[in-house]
């Protein structure tokens, strides 16, 4: 039986670069130690704390404390069920967006703002950098 893909749903909370990477690190594991994530991202403790608080406030993540063999408390970070579901949906929306950028039709299930819309900001030049409007 094939695994069912998550419904595509772009999530602004998850999409910020550090939060997206945090979710990507936590998705395949039950939890991960704060210092491991900090080192993997290459950020200061304060940056990770701030970004993780946004995920926690959204109900996407939790923290827990556990004593290390040295007796020092360690902080463990984990995604909640809602966080895993939101991350899976966000990944699916990104997959659909990437497929559309490669010429595949954008699935209707993706709720990506502005996808496929042509407007005044769209690039109107051909492959040689020439505008297709003869008056320019």
C-alpha atoms as a PDB file:
ATOM      1  CA  UNK A   1       0.000   0.000   0.000  1.00  0.00           C
ATOM      2  CA  UNK A   2       1.360   3.433  -0.978  1.00  0.00           C
ATOM      3  CA  UNK A   3       1.851   6.105   1.663  1.00  0.00           C
ATOM      4  CA  UNK A   4      -0.549   8.982   1.237  1.00  0.00           C
ATOM      5  CA  UNK A   5       0.992  12.416   0.706  1.00  0.00           C
ATOM      6  CA  UNK A   6       0.029  15.321   2.916  1.00  0.00           C
ATOM      7  CA  UNK A   7      -2.345  17.932   1.557  1.00  0.00           C
ATOM      8  CA  UNK A   8      -0.327  20.810   0.132  1.00  0.00           C
ATOM      9  CA  UNK A   9      -0.538  23.881   2.326  1.00  0.00           C
ATOM     10  CA  UNK A  10       2.015  26.696   2.265  1.00  0.00           C
ATOM     11  CA  UNK A  11       2.796  27.738   5.850  1.00  0.00           C
ATOM     12  CA  UNK A  12       4.314  31.177   6.493  1.00  0.00           C
ATOM     13  CA  UNK A  13       5.339  30.202  10.029  1.00  0.00           C
ATOM     14  CA  UNK A  14       7.411  27.254   8.815  1.00  0.00           C
ATOM     15  CA  UNK A  15       8.700  28.918   5.641  1.00  0.00           C
ATOM     16  CA  UNK A  16      11.213  31.277   7.312  1.00  0.00           C
ATOM     17  CA  UNK A  17      14.669  29.811   6.534  1.00  0.00           C
ATOM     18  CA  UNK A  18      15.785  28.917  10.075  1.00  0.00           C
ATOM     19  CA  UNK A  19      12.378  27.491  11.018  1.00  0.00           C
ATOM     20  CA  UNK A  20      12.218  25.478   7.792  1.00  0.00           C
ATOM     21  CA  UNK A  21      15.627  23.973   8.567  1.00  0.00           C
ATOM     22  CA  UNK A  22      14.649  23.295  12.198  1.00  0.00           C
ATOM     23  CA  UNK A  23      11.568  21.405  11.020  1.00  0.00           C
ATOM     24  CA  UNK A  24      13.632  19.490   8.453  1.00  0.00           C
ATOM     25  CA  UNK A  25      16.051  18.393  11.173  1.00  0.00           C
ATOM     26  CA  UNK A  26      13.278  17.370  13.572  1.00  0.00           C
ATOM     27  CA  UNK A  27      10.899  15.680  11.117  1.00  0.00           C
ATOM     28  CA  UNK A  28      12.746  12.348  10.823  1.00  0.00           C
ATOM     29  CA  UNK A  29      13.474  11.996  14.564  1.00  0.00           C
ATOM     30  CA  UNK A  30      11.472  11.936  17.778  1.00  0.00           C
ATOM     31  CA  UNK A  31      13.524  14.776  19.292  1.00  0.00           C
ATOM     32  CA  UNK A  32      16.941  16.404  19.044  1.00  0.00           C
ATOM     33  CA  UNK A  33      19.162  18.156  21.568  1.00  0.00           C
ATOM     34  CA  UNK A  34      19.191  21.959  21.399  1.00  0.00           C
ATOM     35  CA  UNK A  35      22.978  22.160  20.945  1.00  0.00           C
ATOM     36  CA  UNK A  36      22.920  19.728  18.032  1.00  0.00           C
ATOM     37  CA  UNK A  37      20.362  21.834  16.164  1.00  0.00           C
ATOM     38  CA  UNK A  38      22.209  25.062  17.027  1.00  0.00           C
ATOM     39  CA  UNK A  39      25.475  23.636  15.687  1.00  0.00           C
ATOM     40  CA  UNK A  40      23.820  22.221  12.559  1.00  0.00           C
ATOM     41  CA  UNK A  41      22.262  25.611  11.770  1.00  0.00           C
ATOM     42  CA  UNK A  42      25.420  27.508  12.714  1.00  0.00           C
ATOM     43  CA  UNK A  43      23.513  30.059  14.794  1.00  0.00           C
ATOM     44  CA  UNK A  44      23.754  31.504  18.298  1.00  0.00           C
ATOM     45  CA  UNK A  45      21.645  30.105  21.144  1.00  0.00           C
ATOM     46  CA  UNK A  46      19.509  33.261  21.104  1.00  0.00           C
ATOM     47  CA  UNK A  47      18.698  32.883  17.389  1.00  0.00           C
ATOM     48  CA  UNK A  48      17.627  29.256  17.788  1.00  0.00           C
ATOM     49  CA  UNK A  49      15.603  30.107  20.912  1.00  0.00           C
ATOM     50  CA  UNK A  50      13.771  32.919  19.138  1.00  0.00           C
ATOM     51  CA  UNK A  51      12.973  30.848  16.040  1.00  0.00           C
ATOM     52  CA  UNK A  52      11.932  27.812  18.080  1.00  0.00           C
ATOM     53  CA  UNK A  53       9.643  29.979  20.234  1.00  0.00           C
ATOM     54  CA  UNK A  54       7.703  30.948  17.086  1.00  0.00           C
ATOM     55  CA  UNK A  55       7.185  27.241  16.313  1.00  0.00           C
ATOM     56  CA  UNK A  56       6.212  26.553  19.934  1.00  0.00           C
ATOM     57  CA  UNK A  57       3.758  29.465  20.061  1.00  0.00           C
ATOM     58  CA  UNK A  58       2.105  28.104  16.897  1.00  0.00           C
ATOM     59  CA  UNK A  59       1.691  24.693  18.560  1.00  0.00           C
ATOM     60  CA  UNK A  60       4.182  23.114  16.151  1.00  0.00           C
ATOM     61  CA  UNK A  61       6.935  22.253  18.632  1.00  0.00           C
ATOM     62  CA  UNK A  62       7.724  21.438  22.247  1.00  0.00           C
ATOM     63  CA  UNK A  63      10.736  21.416  24.528  1.00  0.00           C
ATOM     64  CA  UNK A  64      11.684  19.076  27.341  1.00  0.00           C
ATOM     65  CA  UNK A  65      14.571  18.900  29.791  1.00  0.00           C
ATOM     66  CA  UNK A  66      16.560  15.779  30.624  1.00  0.00           C
ATOM     67  CA  UNK A  67      19.657  15.315  32.731  1.00  0.00           C
ATOM     68  CA  UNK A  68      22.827  14.395  30.874  1.00  0.00           C
ATOM     69  CA  UNK A  69      25.281  11.865  32.380  1.00  0.00           C
ATOM     70  CA  UNK A  70      27.272  14.872  33.607  1.00  0.00           C
ATOM     71  CA  UNK A  71      24.256  15.924  35.668  1.00  0.00           C
ATOM     72  CA  UNK A  72      23.706  19.036  33.571  1.00  0.00           C
ATOM     73  CA  UNK A  73      20.193  19.507  32.195  1.00  0.00           C
ATOM     74  CA  UNK A  74      19.883  19.257  28.423  1.00  0.00           C
ATOM     75  CA  UNK A  75      17.086  20.794  26.386  1.00  0.00           C
ATOM     76  CA  UNK A  76      15.431  18.570  23.790  1.00  0.00           C
ATOM     77  CA  UNK A  77      13.344  19.946  20.938  1.00  0.00           C
ATOM     78  CA  UNK A  78      10.595  18.082  19.105  1.00  0.00           C
ATOM     79  CA  UNK A  79       7.814  18.674  16.608  1.00  0.00           C
ATOM     80  CA  UNK A  80       4.262  18.098  17.776  1.00  0.00           C
ATOM     81  CA  UNK A  81       1.800  16.080  15.712  1.00  0.00           C
ATOM     82  CA  UNK A  82       0.388  19.383  14.394  1.00  0.00           C
ATOM     83  CA  UNK A  83       3.923  20.539  13.578  1.00  0.00           C
ATOM     84  CA  UNK A  84       4.698  17.359  11.650  1.00  0.00           C
ATOM     85  CA  UNK A  85       1.446  17.668   9.726  1.00  0.00           C
ATOM     86  CA  UNK A  86       2.059  21.355   8.934  1.00  0.00           C
ATOM     87  CA  UNK A  87       5.644  20.631   7.833  1.00  0.00           C
ATOM     88  CA  UNK A  88       4.524  17.758   5.586  1.00  0.00           C
ATOM     89  CA  UNK A  89       1.869  20.000   4.010  1.00  0.00           C
ATOM     90  CA  UNK A  90       4.394  22.794   3.517  1.00  0.00           C
ATOM     91  CA  UNK A  91       6.848  20.411   1.837  1.00  0.00           C
ATOM     92  CA  UNK A  92       4.095  19.219  -0.480  1.00  0.00           C
ATOM     93  CA  UNK A  93       3.227  22.830  -1.395  1.00  0.00           C
ATOM     94  CA  UNK A  94       6.913  23.476  -2.136  1.00  0.00           C
ATOM     95  CA  UNK A  95       7.073  20.320  -4.289  1.00  0.00           C
ATOM     96  CA  UNK A  96       4.054  21.485  -6.273  1.00  0.00           C
ATOM     97  CA  UNK A  97       5.505  24.970  -6.642  1.00  0.00           C
ATOM     98  CA  UNK A  98       8.845  23.546  -7.829  1.00  0.00           C
ATOM     99  CA  UNK A  99       7.039  21.286 -10.304  1.00  0.00           C
ATOM    100  CA  UNK A 100       5.118  24.293 -11.649  1.00  0.00           C
ATOM    101  CA  UNK A 101       8.385  26.208 -12.049  1.00  0.00           C
ATOM    102  CA  UNK A 102       9.657  23.302 -14.148  1.00  0.00           C
ATOM    103  CA  UNK A 103       6.621  23.485 -16.415  1.00  0.00           C
ATOM    104  CA  UNK A 104       4.254  21.049 -14.744  1.00  0.00           C
ATOM    105  CA  UNK A 105       0.757  22.384 -14.002  1.00  0.00           C
ATOM    106  CA  UNK A 106       0.278  23.648 -10.455  1.00  0.00           C
ATOM    107  CA  UNK A 107      -2.083  21.349  -8.563  1.00  0.00           C
ATOM    108  CA  UNK A 108      -5.261  23.006  -7.366  1.00  0.00           C
ATOM    109  CA  UNK A 109      -4.663  21.708  -3.843  1.00  0.00           C
ATOM    110  CA  UNK A 110      -1.671  23.999  -3.337  1.00  0.00           C
ATOM    111  CA  UNK A 111      -2.558  27.190  -1.572  1.00  0.00           C
ATOM    112  CA  UNK A 112       0.434  29.221  -2.693  1.00  0.00           C
ATOM    113  CA  UNK A 113      -0.253  32.931  -2.984  1.00  0.00           C
ATOM    114  CA  UNK A 114       0.441  34.343  -6.412  1.00  0.00           C
ATOM    115  CA  UNK A 115       1.349  31.060  -8.095  1.00  0.00           C
ATOM    116  CA  UNK A 116       0.724  31.225 -11.813  1.00  0.00           C
ATOM    117  CA  UNK A 117      -0.415  34.843 -11.740  1.00  0.00           C
ATOM    118  CA  UNK A 118       0.837  37.216 -14.377  1.00  0.00           C
ATOM    119  CA  UNK A 119       0.906  40.806 -13.326  1.00  0.00           C
ATOM    120  CA  UNK A 120       2.754  44.070 -13.765  1.00  0.00           C
ATOM    121  CA  UNK A 121       5.820  42.768 -11.896  1.00  0.00           C
ATOM    122  CA  UNK A 122       6.368  39.791 -14.162  1.00  0.00           C
ATOM    123  CA  UNK A 123       9.509  39.843 -16.308  1.00  0.00           C
ATOM    124  CA  UNK A 124       8.530  40.744 -19.854  1.00  0.00           C
ATOM    125  CA  UNK A 125      11.872  40.127 -21.562  1.00  0.00           C
ATOM    126  CA  UNK A 126      12.762  37.388 -23.989  1.00  0.00           C
ATOM    127  CA  UNK A 127      15.825  35.146 -23.726  1.00  0.00           C
ATOM    128  CA  UNK A 128      18.037  37.947 -25.100  1.00  0.00           C
ATOM    129  CA  UNK A 129      16.902  40.447 -22.456  1.00  0.00           C
ATOM    130  CA  UNK A 130      14.728  42.340 -24.940  1.00  0.00           C
ATOM    131  CA  UNK A 131      11.323  43.517 -23.759  1.00  0.00           C
ATOM    132  CA  UNK A 132       8.421  42.120 -25.773  1.00  0.00           C
ATOM    133  CA  UNK A 133       6.744  45.528 -25.772  1.00  0.00           C
ATOM    134  CA  UNK A 134       7.930  47.315 -28.970  1.00  0.00           C
ATOM    135  CA  UNK A 135       7.509  50.747 -27.338  1.00  0.00           C
ATOM    136  CA  UNK A 136      10.223  50.063 -24.747  1.00  0.00           C
END
